[in-house]
Amino acid sequence: MLELLEHFIFCNSISAKAKIGAGTYFYHRGLGCVVHPKTEIGSKCTIFQHVTIGSKWSDGICEGEAPVIGDNVMIGAGACILGNIHVGNNVIIGCNAVVLHDVPANCVVAGNPARIVKQYQ
């Protein structure tokens, strides 16, 4: 019931079953965000509007697994993070990026498909 109410009031689908760490913030009340029930999001992450975090559909079949996102990750507006992948700590995901593969810690990714554009030490 809570998820249905949230969907109508805030226009999002952030599953109550998703594991979301302390201090993680959805800007603009999570407007348009979709978060898969099996998703794990670390602490102190920043997620902007219209972000999709979910499973892949391969040949019309849902793979059913969801991403695991580390701590201190910033996800730009419109980004899609899909499949059984891991995003490391201290990562910045650019606006409208499509992340389909693991992302190491301490980097910036952007594009479709997403690729590393900057690596920190």
PDB file of N, CA and C in Angstrom:
ATOM      1  N   MET A   1       0.824  -1.185   0.000  1.00  0.00           N
ATOM      2  CA  MET A   1       0.000   0.000   0.000  1.00  0.00           C
ATOM      3  C   MET A   1       0.881   1.267   0.000  1.00  0.00           C
ATOM      4  N   LEU A   2       1.952   1.233   0.795  1.00  0.00           N
ATOM      5  CA  LEU A   2       2.857   2.380   0.873  1.00  0.00           C
ATOM      6  C   LEU A   2       3.484   2.684  -0.488  1.00  0.00           C
ATOM      7  N   GLU A   3       3.914   1.642  -1.200  1.00  0.00           N
ATOM      8  CA  GLU A   3       4.522   1.839  -2.515  1.00  0.00           C
ATOM      9  C   GLU A   3       3.517   2.425  -3.505  1.00  0.00           C
ATOM     10  N   LEU A   4       2.287   1.989  -3.452  1.00  0.00           N
ATOM     11  CA  LEU A   4       1.248   2.501  -4.341  1.00  0.00           C
ATOM     12  C   LEU A   4       0.978   3.981  -4.059  1.00  0.00           C
ATOM     13  N   LEU A   5       0.891   4.328  -2.798  1.00  0.00           N
ATOM     14  CA  LEU A   5       0.680   5.714  -2.402  1.00  0.00           C
ATOM     15  C   LEU A   5       1.851   6.589  -2.850  1.00  0.00           C
ATOM     16  N   GLU A   6       3.061   6.087  -2.654  1.00  0.00           N
ATOM     17  CA  GLU A   6       4.263   6.815  -3.065  1.00  0.00           C
ATOM     18  C   GLU A   6       4.259   7.038  -4.580  1.00  0.00           C
ATOM     19  N   HIS A   7       3.828   6.013  -5.323  1.00  0.00           N
ATOM     20  CA  HIS A   7       3.777   6.113  -6.784  1.00  0.00           C
ATOM     21  C   HIS A   7       2.843   7.239  -7.222  1.00  0.00           C
ATOM     22  N   PHE A   8       1.685   7.337  -6.616  1.00  0.00           N
ATOM     23  CA  PHE A   8       0.718   8.359  -7.011  1.00  0.00           C
ATOM     24  C   PHE A   8       1.113   9.760  -6.544  1.00  0.00           C
ATOM     25  N   ILE A   9       1.672   9.878  -5.359  1.00  0.00           N
ATOM     26  CA  ILE A   9       2.008  11.196  -4.827  1.00  0.00           C
ATOM     27  C   ILE A   9       3.296  11.746  -5.432  1.00  0.00           C
ATOM     28  N   PHE A  10       4.344  10.904  -5.513  1.00  0.00           N
ATOM     29  CA  PHE A  10       5.665  11.379  -5.943  1.00  0.00           C
ATOM     30  C   PHE A  10       6.060  10.935  -7.346  1.00  0.00           C
ATOM     31  N   CYS A  11       5.205  10.177  -8.028  1.00  0.00           N
ATOM     32  CA  CYS A  11       5.485   9.715  -9.397  1.00  0.00           C
ATOM     33  C   CYS A  11       6.804   8.950  -9.476  1.00  0.00           C
ATOM     34  N   ASN A  12       7.002   8.009  -8.552  1.00  0.00           N
ATOM     35  CA  ASN A  12       8.191   7.168  -8.611  1.00  0.00           C
ATOM     36  C   ASN A  12       7.832   5.750  -8.199  1.00  0.00           C
ATOM     37  N   SER A  13       8.780   4.851  -8.362  1.00  0.00           N
ATOM     38  CA  SER A  13       8.593   3.462  -7.962  1.00  0.00           C
ATOM     39  C   SER A  13       9.872   2.989  -7.279  1.00  0.00           C
ATOM     40  N   ILE A  14      10.078   3.459  -6.062  1.00  0.00           N
ATOM     41  CA  ILE A  14      11.233   3.067  -5.261  1.00  0.00           C
ATOM     42  C   ILE A  14      10.756   1.985  -4.305  1.00  0.00           C
ATOM     43  N   SER A  15      11.177   0.759  -4.553  1.00  0.00           N
ATOM     44  CA  SER A  15      10.689  -0.367  -3.774  1.00  0.00           C
ATOM     45  C   SER A  15      11.084  -0.264  -2.304  1.00  0.00           C
ATOM     46  N   ALA A  16      10.118  -0.555  -1.439  1.00  0.00           N
ATOM     47  CA  ALA A  16      10.382  -0.595   0.000  1.00  0.00           C
ATOM     48  C   ALA A  16      11.283  -1.780   0.352  1.00  0.00           C
ATOM     49  N   LYS A  17      11.411  -2.746  -0.554  1.00  0.00           N
ATOM     50  CA  LYS A  17      12.252  -3.921  -0.317  1.00  0.00           C
ATOM     51  C   LYS A  17      13.726  -3.658  -0.650  1.00  0.00           C
ATOM     52  N   ALA A  18      13.997  -2.593  -1.382  1.00  0.00           N
ATOM     53  CA  ALA A  18      15.384  -2.264  -1.727  1.00  0.00           C
ATOM     54  C   ALA A  18      16.149  -1.887  -0.457  1.00  0.00           C
ATOM     55  N   LYS A  19      17.422  -2.259  -0.416  1.00  0.00           N
ATOM     56  CA  LYS A  19      18.273  -1.903   0.723  1.00  0.00           C
ATOM     57  C   LYS A  19      18.972  -0.588   0.405  1.00  0.00           C
ATOM     58  N   ILE A  20      18.595   0.462   1.132  1.00  0.00           N
ATOM     59  CA  ILE A  20      19.139   1.794   0.875  1.00  0.00           C
ATOM     60  C   ILE A  20      19.819   2.294   2.145  1.00  0.00           C
ATOM     61  N   GLY A  21      21.107   2.628   2.027  1.00  0.00           N
ATOM     62  CA  GLY A  21      21.919   3.018   3.173  1.00  0.00           C
ATOM     63  C   GLY A  21      21.568   4.383   3.747  1.00  0.00           C
ATOM     64  N   ALA A  22      22.025   4.589   4.969  1.00  0.00           N
ATOM     65  CA  ALA A  22      21.785   5.841   5.688  1.00  0.00           C
ATOM     66  C   ALA A  22      22.396   7.018   4.947  1.00  0.00           C
ATOM     67  N   GLY A  23      21.685   8.113   4.919  1.00  0.00           N
ATOM     68  CA  GLY A  23      22.192   9.328   4.309  1.00  0.00           C
ATOM     69  C   GLY A  23      22.035   9.395   2.804  1.00  0.00           C
ATOM     70  N   THR A  24      21.479   8.361   2.191  1.00  0.00           N
ATOM     71  CA  THR A  24      21.233   8.401   0.749  1.00  0.00           C
ATOM     72  C   THR A  24      20.043   9.305   0.490  1.00  0.00           C
ATOM     73  N   TYR A  25      20.184  10.180  -0.513  1.00  0.00           N
ATOM     74  CA  TYR A  25      19.173  11.202  -0.748  1.00  0.00           C
ATOM     75  C   TYR A  25      18.705  11.179  -2.196  1.00  0.00           C
ATOM     76  N   PHE A  26      17.395  11.148  -2.386  1.00  0.00           N
ATOM     77  CA  PHE A  26      16.781  11.247  -3.704  1.00  0.00           C
ATOM     78  C   PHE A  26      16.336  12.693  -3.888  1.00  0.00           C
ATOM     79  N   TYR A  27      17.022  13.422  -4.761  1.00  0.00           N
ATOM     80  CA  TYR A  27      16.646  14.811  -5.018  1.00  0.00           C
ATOM     81  C   TYR A  27      15.281  14.877  -5.692  1.00  0.00           C
ATOM     82  N   HIS A  28      14.600  15.967  -5.518  1.00  0.00           N
ATOM     83  CA  HIS A  28      13.286  16.214  -6.120  1.00  0.00           C
ATOM     84  C   HIS A  28      12.293  15.112  -5.747  1.00  0.00           C
ATOM     85  N   ARG A  29      12.407  14.609  -4.524  1.00  0.00           N
ATOM     86  CA  ARG A  29      11.523  13.570  -3.982  1.00  0.00           C
ATOM     87  C   ARG A  29      11.520  12.301  -4.834  1.00  0.00           C
ATOM     88  N   GLY A  30      12.602  12.069  -5.547  1.00  0.00           N
ATOM     89  CA  GLY A  30      12.703  10.851  -6.348  1.00  0.00           C
ATOM     90  C   GLY A  30      11.828  10.866  -7.582  1.00  0.00           C
ATOM     91  N   LEU A  31      11.493  12.049  -8.079  1.00  0.00           N
ATOM     92  CA  LEU A  31      10.605  12.194  -9.223  1.00  0.00           C
ATOM     93  C   LEU A  31      11.044  11.296 -10.378  1.00  0.00           C
ATOM     94  N   GLY A  32      10.185  10.397 -10.779  1.00  0.00           N
ATOM     95  CA  GLY A  32      10.437   9.526 -11.919  1.00  0.00           C
ATOM     96  C   GLY A  32      11.438   8.411 -11.688  1.00  0.00           C
ATOM     97  N   CYS A  33      11.926   8.239 -10.472  1.00  0.00           N
ATOM     98  CA  CYS A  33      12.918   7.190 -10.197  1.00  0.00           C
ATOM     99  C   CYS A  33      12.256   5.816 -10.084  1.00  0.00           C
ATOM    100  N   VAL A  34      12.978   4.807 -10.554  1.00  0.00           N
ATOM    101  CA  VAL A  34      12.545   3.422 -10.440  1.00  0.00           C
ATOM    102  C   VAL A  34      13.698   2.641  -9.818  1.00  0.00           C
ATOM    103  N   VAL A  35      13.415   1.941  -8.702  1.00  0.00           N
ATOM    104  CA  VAL A  35      14.441   1.156  -8.017  1.00  0.00           C
ATOM    105  C   VAL A  35      13.911  -0.261  -7.814  1.00  0.00           C
ATOM    106  N   HIS A  36      14.619  -1.239  -8.355  1.00  0.00           N
ATOM    107  CA  HIS A  36      14.269  -2.660  -8.271  1.00  0.00           C
ATOM    108  C   HIS A  36      14.280  -3.125  -6.815  1.00  0.00           C
ATOM    109  N   PRO A  37      13.387  -4.036  -6.440  1.00  0.00           N
ATOM    110  CA  PRO A  37      13.340  -4.525  -5.056  1.00  0.00           C
ATOM    111  C   PRO A  37      14.620  -5.200  -4.565  1.00  0.00           C
ATOM    112  N   LYS A  38      15.414  -5.759  -5.463  1.00  0.00           N
ATOM    113  CA  LYS A  38      16.647  -6.445  -5.061  1.00  0.00           C
ATOM    114  C   LYS A  38      17.872  -5.530  -5.064  1.00  0.00           C
ATOM    115  N   THR A  39      17.675  -4.255  -5.356  1.00  0.00           N
ATOM    116  CA  THR A  39      18.781  -3.308  -5.409  1.00  0.00           C
ATOM    117  C   THR A  39      19.361  -3.055  -4.023  1.00  0.00           C
ATOM    118  N   GLU A  40      20.683  -2.879  -3.963  1.00  0.00           N
ATOM    119  CA  GLU A  40      21.362  -2.467  -2.740  1.00  0.00           C
ATOM    120  C   GLU A  40      22.110  -1.177  -3.042  1.00  0.00           C
ATOM    121  N   ILE A  41      21.782  -0.126  -2.283  1.00  0.00           N
ATOM    122  CA  ILE A  41      22.421   1.170  -2.453  1.00  0.00           C
ATOM    123  C   ILE A  41      23.131   1.514  -1.152  1.00  0.00           C
ATOM    124  N   GLY A  42      24.384   1.900  -1.242  1.00  0.00           N
ATOM    125  CA  GLY A  42      25.178   2.212  -0.056  1.00  0.00           C
ATOM    126  C   GLY A  42      24.746   3.502   0.625  1.00  0.00           C
ATOM    127  N   SER A  43      25.552   3.936   1.566  1.00  0.00           N
ATOM    128  CA  SER A  43      25.228   5.137   2.334  1.00  0.00           C
ATOM    129  C   SER A  43      25.767   6.392   1.650  1.00  0.00           C
ATOM    130  N   LYS A  44      25.163   7.509   1.978  1.00  0.00           N
ATOM    131  CA  LYS A  44      25.555   8.839   1.515  1.00  0.00           C
ATOM    132  C   LYS A  44      25.626   8.960  -0.006  1.00  0.00           C
ATOM    133  N   CYS A  45      24.673   8.333  -0.687  1.00  0.00           N
ATOM    134  CA  CYS A  45      24.585   8.456  -2.137  1.00  0.00           C
ATOM    135  C   CYS A  45      23.630   9.586  -2.488  1.00  0.00           C
ATOM    136  N   THR A  46      23.805  10.158  -3.661  1.00  0.00           N
ATOM    137  CA  THR A  46      22.943  11.215  -4.162  1.00  0.00           C
ATOM    138  C   THR A  46      22.364  10.744  -5.488  1.00  0.00           C
ATOM    139  N   ILE A  47      21.040  10.709  -5.567  1.00  0.00           N
ATOM    140  CA  ILE A  47      20.371  10.202  -6.762  1.00  0.00           C
ATOM    141  C   ILE A  47      19.411  11.276  -7.261  1.00  0.00           C
ATOM    142  N   PHE A  48      19.595  11.684  -8.503  1.00  0.00           N
ATOM    143  CA  PHE A  48      18.762  12.728  -9.084  1.00  0.00           C
ATOM    144  C   PHE A  48      17.533  12.129  -9.771  1.00  0.00           C
ATOM    145  N   GLN A  49      16.705  12.974 -10.357  1.00  0.00           N
ATOM    146  CA  GLN A  49      15.419  12.562 -10.916  1.00  0.00           C
ATOM    147  C   GLN A  49      15.557  11.655 -12.136  1.00  0.00           C
ATOM    148  N   HIS A  50      14.537  10.850 -12.347  1.00  0.00           N
ATOM    149  CA  HIS A  50      14.385   9.979 -13.518  1.00  0.00           C
ATOM    150  C   HIS A  50      15.497   8.938 -13.662  1.00  0.00           C
ATOM    151  N   VAL A  51      16.013   8.449 -12.549  1.00  0.00           N
ATOM    152  CA  VAL A  51      17.039   7.403 -12.553  1.00  0.00           C
ATOM    153  C   VAL A  51      16.352   6.041 -12.490  1.00  0.00           C
ATOM    154  N   THR A  52      16.852   5.100 -13.286  1.00  0.00           N
ATOM    155  CA  THR A  52      16.351   3.723 -13.261  1.00  0.00           C
ATOM    156  C   THR A  52      17.470   2.816 -12.778  1.00  0.00           C
ATOM    157  N   ILE A  53      17.188   2.056 -11.722  1.00  0.00           N
ATOM    158  CA  ILE A  53      18.133   1.071 -11.194  1.00  0.00           C
ATOM    159  C   ILE A  53      17.377  -0.250 -11.173  1.00  0.00           C
ATOM    160  N   GLY A  54      17.716  -1.149 -12.102  1.00  0.00           N
ATOM    161  CA  GLY A  54      16.913  -2.363 -12.213  1.00  0.00           C
ATOM    162  C   GLY A  54      17.612  -3.491 -12.916  1.00  0.00           C
ATOM    163  N   SER A  55      16.814  -4.486 -13.297  1.00  0.00           N
ATOM    164  CA  SER A  55      17.352  -5.674 -13.948  1.00  0.00           C
ATOM    165  C   SER A  55      17.324  -5.505 -15.464  1.00  0.00           C
ATOM    166  N   LYS A  56      18.087  -6.360 -16.141  1.00  0.00           N
ATOM    167  CA  LYS A  56      18.134  -6.351 -17.605  1.00  0.00           C
ATOM    168  C   LYS A  56      17.062  -7.282 -18.147  1.00  0.00           C
ATOM    169  N   TRP A  57      16.626  -6.972 -19.343  1.00  0.00           N
ATOM    170  CA  TRP A  57      15.744  -7.854 -20.095  1.00  0.00           C
ATOM    171  C   TRP A  57      16.520  -8.291 -21.328  1.00  0.00           C
ATOM    172  N   SER A  58      16.854  -9.560 -21.386  1.00  0.00           N
ATOM    173  CA  SER A  58      17.623 -10.088 -22.502  1.00  0.00           C
ATOM    174  C   SER A  58      16.727 -11.005 -23.324  1.00  0.00           C
ATOM    175  N   ASP A  59      16.563 -10.693 -24.581  1.00  0.00           N
ATOM    176  CA  ASP A  59      15.688 -11.460 -25.483  1.00  0.00           C
ATOM    177  C   ASP A  59      14.279 -11.604 -24.914  1.00  0.00           C
ATOM    178  N   GLY A  60      13.773 -10.547 -24.301  1.00  0.00           N
ATOM    179  CA  GLY A  60      12.410 -10.551 -23.768  1.00  0.00           C
ATOM    180  C   GLY A  60      12.249 -11.285 -22.454  1.00  0.00           C
ATOM    181  N   ILE A  61      13.358 -11.693 -21.832  1.00  0.00           N
ATOM    182  CA  ILE A  61      13.300 -12.428 -20.565  1.00  0.00           C
ATOM    183  C   ILE A  61      14.011 -11.611 -19.493  1.00  0.00           C
ATOM    184  N   CYS A  62      13.329 -11.397 -18.381  1.00  0.00           N
ATOM    185  CA  CYS A  62      13.909 -10.633 -17.282  1.00  0.00           C
ATOM    186  C   CYS A  62      14.948 -11.481 -16.563  1.00  0.00           C
ATOM    187  N   GLU A  63      16.154 -10.926 -16.419  1.00  0.00           N
ATOM    188  CA  GLU A  63      17.218 -11.652 -15.723  1.00  0.00           C
ATOM    189  C   GLU A  63      17.002 -11.658 -14.218  1.00  0.00           C
ATOM    190  N   GLY A  64      16.230 -10.711 -13.701  1.00  0.00           N
ATOM    191  CA  GLY A  64      15.815 -10.715 -12.303  1.00  0.00           C
ATOM    192  C   GLY A  64      16.796 -10.201 -11.270  1.00  0.00           C
ATOM    193  N   GLU A  65      18.041  -9.969 -11.633  1.00  0.00           N
ATOM    194  CA  GLU A  65      19.014  -9.471 -10.668  1.00  0.00           C
ATOM    195  C   GLU A  65      19.158  -7.964 -10.798  1.00  0.00           C
ATOM    196  N   ALA A  66      19.603  -7.337  -9.726  1.00  0.00           N
ATOM    197  CA  ALA A  66      19.689  -5.879  -9.692  1.00  0.00           C
ATOM    198  C   ALA A  66      21.084  -5.426  -9.256  1.00  0.00           C
ATOM    199  N   PRO A  67      21.414  -4.168  -9.504  1.00  0.00           N
ATOM    200  CA  PRO A  67      22.733  -3.644  -9.157  1.00  0.00           C
ATOM    201  C   PRO A  67      22.983  -3.522  -7.657  1.00  0.00           C
ATOM    202  N   VAL A  68      24.257  -3.549  -7.318  1.00  0.00           N
ATOM    203  CA  VAL A  68      24.727  -3.241  -5.969  1.00  0.00           C
ATOM    204  C   VAL A  68      25.579  -1.983  -6.123  1.00  0.00           C
ATOM    205  N   ILE A  69      25.197  -0.927  -5.426  1.00  0.00           N
ATOM    206  CA  ILE A  69      25.848   0.363  -5.560  1.00  0.00           C
ATOM    207  C   ILE A  69      26.562   0.689  -4.253  1.00  0.00           C
ATOM    208  N   GLY A  70      27.803   1.110  -4.349  1.00  0.00           N
ATOM    209  CA  GLY A  70      28.626   1.400  -3.173  1.00  0.00           C
ATOM    210  C   GLY A  70      28.246   2.690  -2.464  1.00  0.00           C
ATOM    211  N   ASP A  71      29.114   3.124  -1.564  1.00  0.00           N
ATOM    212  CA  ASP A  71      28.900   4.342  -0.778  1.00  0.00           C
ATOM    213  C   ASP A  71      29.388   5.577  -1.548  1.00  0.00           C
ATOM    214  N   ASN A  72      28.803   6.732  -1.222  1.00  0.00           N
ATOM    215  CA  ASN A  72      29.220   8.024  -1.786  1.00  0.00           C
ATOM    216  C   ASN A  72      29.161   8.052  -3.308  1.00  0.00           C
ATOM    217  N   VAL A  73      28.113   7.494  -3.868  1.00  0.00           N
ATOM    218  CA  VAL A  73      27.935   7.472  -5.318  1.00  0.00           C
ATOM    219  C   VAL A  73      26.942   8.561  -5.704  1.00  0.00           C
ATOM    220  N   MET A  74      27.262   9.325  -6.741  1.00  0.00           N
ATOM    221  CA  MET A  74      26.346  10.336  -7.263  1.00  0.00           C
ATOM    222  C   MET A  74      25.851   9.844  -8.613  1.00  0.00           C
ATOM    223  N   ILE A  75      24.520   9.772  -8.761  1.00  0.00           N
ATOM    224  CA  ILE A  75      23.915   9.295  -9.998  1.00  0.00           C
ATOM    225  C   ILE A  75      23.142  10.448 -10.627  1.00  0.00           C
ATOM    226  N   GLY A  76      23.573  10.878 -11.807  1.00  0.00           N
ATOM    227  CA  GLY A  76      22.973  12.016 -12.489  1.00  0.00           C
ATOM    228  C   GLY A  76      21.597  11.721 -13.052  1.00  0.00           C
ATOM    229  N   ALA A  77      20.869  12.777 -13.347  1.00  0.00           N
ATOM    230  CA  ALA A  77      19.498  12.681 -13.851  1.00  0.00           C
ATOM    231  C   ALA A  77      19.421  11.815 -15.107  1.00  0.00           C
ATOM    232  N   GLY A  78      18.429  10.947 -15.137  1.00  0.00           N
ATOM    233  CA  GLY A  78      18.163  10.131 -16.308  1.00  0.00           C
ATOM    234  C   GLY A  78      19.059   8.926 -16.492  1.00  0.00           C
ATOM    235  N   ALA A  79      19.980   8.674 -15.587  1.00  0.00           N
ATOM    236  CA  ALA A  79      20.889   7.534 -15.729  1.00  0.00           C
ATOM    237  C   ALA A  79      20.140   6.216 -15.555  1.00  0.00           C
ATOM    238  N   CYS A  80      20.623   5.186 -16.240  1.00  0.00           N
ATOM    239  CA  CYS A  80      20.090   3.829 -16.112  1.00  0.00           C
ATOM    240  C   CYS A  80      21.231   2.919 -15.687  1.00  0.00           C
ATOM    241  N   ILE A  81      21.004   2.181 -14.609  1.00  0.00           N
ATOM    242  CA  ILE A  81      21.994   1.231 -14.106  1.00  0.00           C
ATOM    243  C   ILE A  81      21.278  -0.107 -14.088  1.00  0.00           C
ATOM    244  N   LEU A  82      21.694  -1.019 -14.967  1.00  0.00           N
ATOM    245  CA  LEU A  82      20.907  -2.218 -15.202  1.00  0.00           C
ATOM    246  C   LEU A  82      21.720  -3.498 -15.088  1.00  0.00           C
ATOM    247  N   GLY A  83      21.125  -4.506 -14.455  1.00  0.00           N
ATOM    248  CA  GLY A  83      21.688  -5.843 -14.406  1.00  0.00           C
ATOM    249  C   GLY A  83      22.402  -6.161 -13.115  1.00  0.00           C
ATOM    250  N   ASN A  84      22.950  -7.347 -13.081  1.00  0.00           N
ATOM    251  CA  ASN A  84      23.668  -7.862 -11.919  1.00  0.00           C
ATOM    252  C   ASN A  84      25.087  -7.307 -11.931  1.00  0.00           C
ATOM    253  N   ILE A  85      25.225  -6.014 -11.588  1.00  0.00           N
ATOM    254  CA  ILE A  85      26.521  -5.347 -11.645  1.00  0.00           C
ATOM    255  C   ILE A  85      26.834  -4.688 -10.310  1.00  0.00           C
ATOM    256  N   HIS A  86      28.090  -4.336 -10.129  1.00  0.00           N
ATOM    257  CA  HIS A  86      28.543  -3.644  -8.921  1.00  0.00           C
ATOM    258  C   HIS A  86      29.132  -2.285  -9.310  1.00  0.00           C
ATOM    259  N   VAL A  87      28.731  -1.267  -8.573  1.00  0.00           N
ATOM    260  CA  VAL A  87      29.288   0.077  -8.744  1.00  0.00           C
ATOM    261  C   VAL A  87      30.082   0.357  -7.484  1.00  0.00           C
ATOM    262  N   GLY A  88      31.365   0.663  -7.629  1.00  0.00           N
ATOM    263  CA  GLY A  88      32.248   0.875  -6.486  1.00  0.00           C
ATOM    264  C   GLY A  88      31.941   2.147  -5.717  1.00  0.00           C
ATOM    265  N   ASN A  89      32.676   2.353  -4.645  1.00  0.00           N
ATOM    266  CA  ASN A  89      32.532   3.546  -3.813  1.00  0.00           C
ATOM    267  C   ASN A  89      33.092   4.777  -4.531  1.00  0.00           C
ATOM    268  N   ASN A  90      32.569   5.949  -4.177  1.00  0.00           N
ATOM    269  CA  ASN A  90      33.070   7.235  -4.667  1.00  0.00           C
ATOM    270  C   ASN A  90      33.051   7.336  -6.187  1.00  0.00           C
ATOM    271  N   VAL A  91      31.929   6.941  -6.784  1.00  0.00           N
ATOM    272  CA  VAL A  91      31.763   6.981  -8.239  1.00  0.00           C
ATOM    273  C   VAL A  91      30.774   8.084  -8.592  1.00  0.00           C
ATOM    274  N   ILE A  92      31.011   8.740  -9.710  1.00  0.00           N
ATOM    275  CA  ILE A  92      30.057   9.699 -10.265  1.00  0.00           C
ATOM    276  C   ILE A  92      29.564   9.118 -11.586  1.00  0.00           C
ATOM    277  N   ILE A  93      28.252   8.986 -11.709  1.00  0.00           N
ATOM    278  CA  ILE A  93      27.632   8.490 -12.936  1.00  0.00           C
ATOM    279  C   ILE A  93      26.946   9.680 -13.597  1.00  0.00           C
ATOM    280  N   GLY A  94      27.355  10.009 -14.805  1.00  0.00           N
ATOM    281  CA  GLY A  94      26.847  11.184 -15.499  1.00  0.00           C
ATOM    282  C   GLY A  94      25.386  11.073 -15.891  1.00  0.00           C
ATOM    283  N   CYS A  95      24.802  12.223 -16.174  1.00  0.00           N
ATOM    284  CA  CYS A  95      23.406  12.289 -16.612  1.00  0.00           C
ATOM    285  C   CYS A  95      23.203  11.453 -17.870  1.00  0.00           C
ATOM    286  N   ASN A  96      22.114  10.714 -17.904  1.00  0.00           N
ATOM    287  CA  ASN A  96      21.704   9.883 -19.045  1.00  0.00           C
ATOM    288  C   ASN A  96      22.688   8.774 -19.393  1.00  0.00           C
ATOM    289  N   ALA A  97      23.617   8.448 -18.502  1.00  0.00           N
ATOM    290  CA  ALA A  97      24.537   7.329 -18.737  1.00  0.00           C
ATOM    291  C   ALA A  97      23.756   6.022 -18.657  1.00  0.00           C
ATOM    292  N   VAL A  98      24.196   5.042 -19.423  1.00  0.00           N
ATOM    293  CA  VAL A  98      23.600   3.706 -19.382  1.00  0.00           C
ATOM    294  C   VAL A  98      24.695   2.750 -18.917  1.00  0.00           C
ATOM    295  N   VAL A  99      24.606   2.326 -17.664  1.00  0.00           N
ATOM    296  CA  VAL A  99      25.631   1.491 -17.042  1.00  0.00           C
ATOM    297  C   VAL A  99      25.180   0.035 -17.105  1.00  0.00           C
ATOM    298  N   LEU A 100      25.941  -0.782 -17.850  1.00  0.00           N
ATOM    299  CA  LEU A 100      25.595  -2.189 -18.044  1.00  0.00           C
ATOM    300  C   LEU A 100      26.670  -3.146 -17.534  1.00  0.00           C
ATOM    301  N   HIS A 101      27.809  -2.590 -17.090  1.00  0.00           N
ATOM    302  CA  HIS A 101      28.930  -3.399 -16.609  1.00  0.00           C
ATOM    303  C   HIS A 101      29.449  -2.838 -15.288  1.00  0.00           C
ATOM    304  N   ASP A 102      30.207  -3.647 -14.568  1.00  0.00           N
ATOM    305  CA  ASP A 102      30.771  -3.215 -13.293  1.00  0.00           C
ATOM    306  C   ASP A 102      31.565  -1.915 -13.457  1.00  0.00           C
ATOM    307  N   VAL A 103      31.516  -1.091 -12.407  1.00  0.00           N
ATOM    308  CA  VAL A 103      32.250   0.172 -12.390  1.00  0.00           C
ATOM    309  C   VAL A 103      33.192   0.138 -11.185  1.00  0.00           C
ATOM    310  N   PRO A 104      34.506   0.319 -11.394  1.00  0.00           N
ATOM    311  CA  PRO A 104      35.435   0.299 -10.259  1.00  0.00           C
ATOM    312  C   PRO A 104      35.259   1.543  -9.388  1.00  0.00           C
ATOM    313  N   ALA A 105      35.810   1.495  -8.203  1.00  0.00           N
ATOM    314  CA  ALA A 105      35.729   2.623  -7.266  1.00  0.00           C
ATOM    315  C   ALA A 105      36.514   3.823  -7.790  1.00  0.00           C
ATOM    316  N   ASN A 106      36.152   4.994  -7.294  1.00  0.00           N
ATOM    317  CA  ASN A 106      36.907   6.233  -7.516  1.00  0.00           C
ATOM    318  C   ASN A 106      37.041   6.632  -8.985  1.00  0.00           C
ATOM    319  N   CYS A 107      35.917   6.709  -9.685  1.00  0.00           N
ATOM    320  CA  CYS A 107      35.972   7.131 -11.075  1.00  0.00           C
ATOM    321  C   CYS A 107      34.699   7.862 -11.475  1.00  0.00           C
ATOM    322  N   VAL A 108      34.732   8.433 -12.666  1.00  0.00           N
ATOM    323  CA  VAL A 108      33.584   9.088 -13.272  1.00  0.00           C
ATOM    324  C   VAL A 108      33.255   8.311 -14.537  1.00  0.00           C
ATOM    325  N   VAL A 109      31.976   7.951 -14.714  1.00  0.00           N
ATOM    326  CA  VAL A 109      31.550   7.265 -15.935  1.00  0.00           C
ATOM    327  C   VAL A 109      30.462   8.095 -16.614  1.00  0.00           C
ATOM    328  N   ALA A 110      30.426   8.012 -17.932  1.00  0.00           N
ATOM    329  CA  ALA A 110      29.427   8.747 -18.703  1.00  0.00           C
ATOM    330  C   ALA A 110      29.231   8.056 -20.041  1.00  0.00           C
ATOM    331  N   GLY A 111      28.122   8.359 -20.688  1.00  0.00           N
ATOM    332  CA  GLY A 111      27.869   7.880 -22.043  1.00  0.00           C
ATOM    333  C   GLY A 111      26.914   6.713 -22.111  1.00  0.00           C
ATOM    334  N   ASN A 112      26.648   6.316 -23.367  1.00  0.00           N
ATOM    335  CA  ASN A 112      25.762   5.194 -23.649  1.00  0.00           C
ATOM    336  C   ASN A 112      26.418   4.329 -24.718  1.00  0.00           C
ATOM    337  N   PRO A 113      26.986   3.194 -24.319  1.00  0.00           N
ATOM    338  CA  PRO A 113      27.096   2.657 -22.965  1.00  0.00           C
ATOM    339  C   PRO A 113      28.135   3.439 -22.154  1.00  0.00           C
ATOM    340  N   ALA A 114      27.978   3.387 -20.852  1.00  0.00           N
ATOM    341  CA  ALA A 114      28.863   4.141 -19.958  1.00  0.00           C
ATOM    342  C   ALA A 114      30.299   3.630 -20.047  1.00  0.00           C
ATOM    343  N   ARG A 115      31.222   4.569 -19.996  1.00  0.00           N
ATOM    344  CA  ARG A 115      32.649   4.221 -19.981  1.00  0.00           C
ATOM    345  C   ARG A 115      33.345   5.169 -19.000  1.00  0.00           C
ATOM    346  N   ILE A 116      34.489   4.759 -18.526  1.00  0.00           N
ATOM    347  CA  ILE A 116      35.232   5.576 -17.574  1.00  0.00           C
ATOM    348  C   ILE A 116      35.824   6.775 -18.308  1.00  0.00           C
ATOM    349  N   VAL A 117      35.521   7.983 -17.801  1.00  0.00           N
ATOM    350  CA  VAL A 117      36.070   9.191 -18.400  1.00  0.00           C
ATOM    351  C   VAL A 117      37.128   9.833 -17.497  1.00  0.00           C
ATOM    352  N   LYS A 118      37.142   9.435 -16.222  1.00  0.00           N
ATOM    353  CA  LYS A 118      38.158   9.943 -15.309  1.00  0.00           C
ATOM    354  C   LYS A 118      38.324   8.940 -14.175  1.00  0.00           C
ATOM    355  N   GLN A 119      39.565   8.684 -13.803  1.00  0.00           N
ATOM    356  CA  GLN A 119      39.892   7.755 -12.707  1.00  0.00           C
ATOM    357  C   GLN A 119      40.646   8.511 -11.637  1.00  0.00           C
ATOM    358  N   TYR A 120      40.225   8.388 -10.371  1.00  0.00           N
ATOM    359  CA  TYR A 120      40.903   9.008  -9.247  1.00  0.00           C
ATOM    360  C   TYR A 120      41.770   7.974  -8.561  1.00  0.00           C
ATOM    361  N   GLN A 121      42.793   8.421  -7.838  1.00  0.00           N
ATOM    362  CA  GLN A 121      43.661   7.469  -7.144  1.00  0.00           C
ATOM    363  C   GLN A 121      43.232   7.217  -5.764  1.00  0.00           C
TER     364      GLN A 121
END
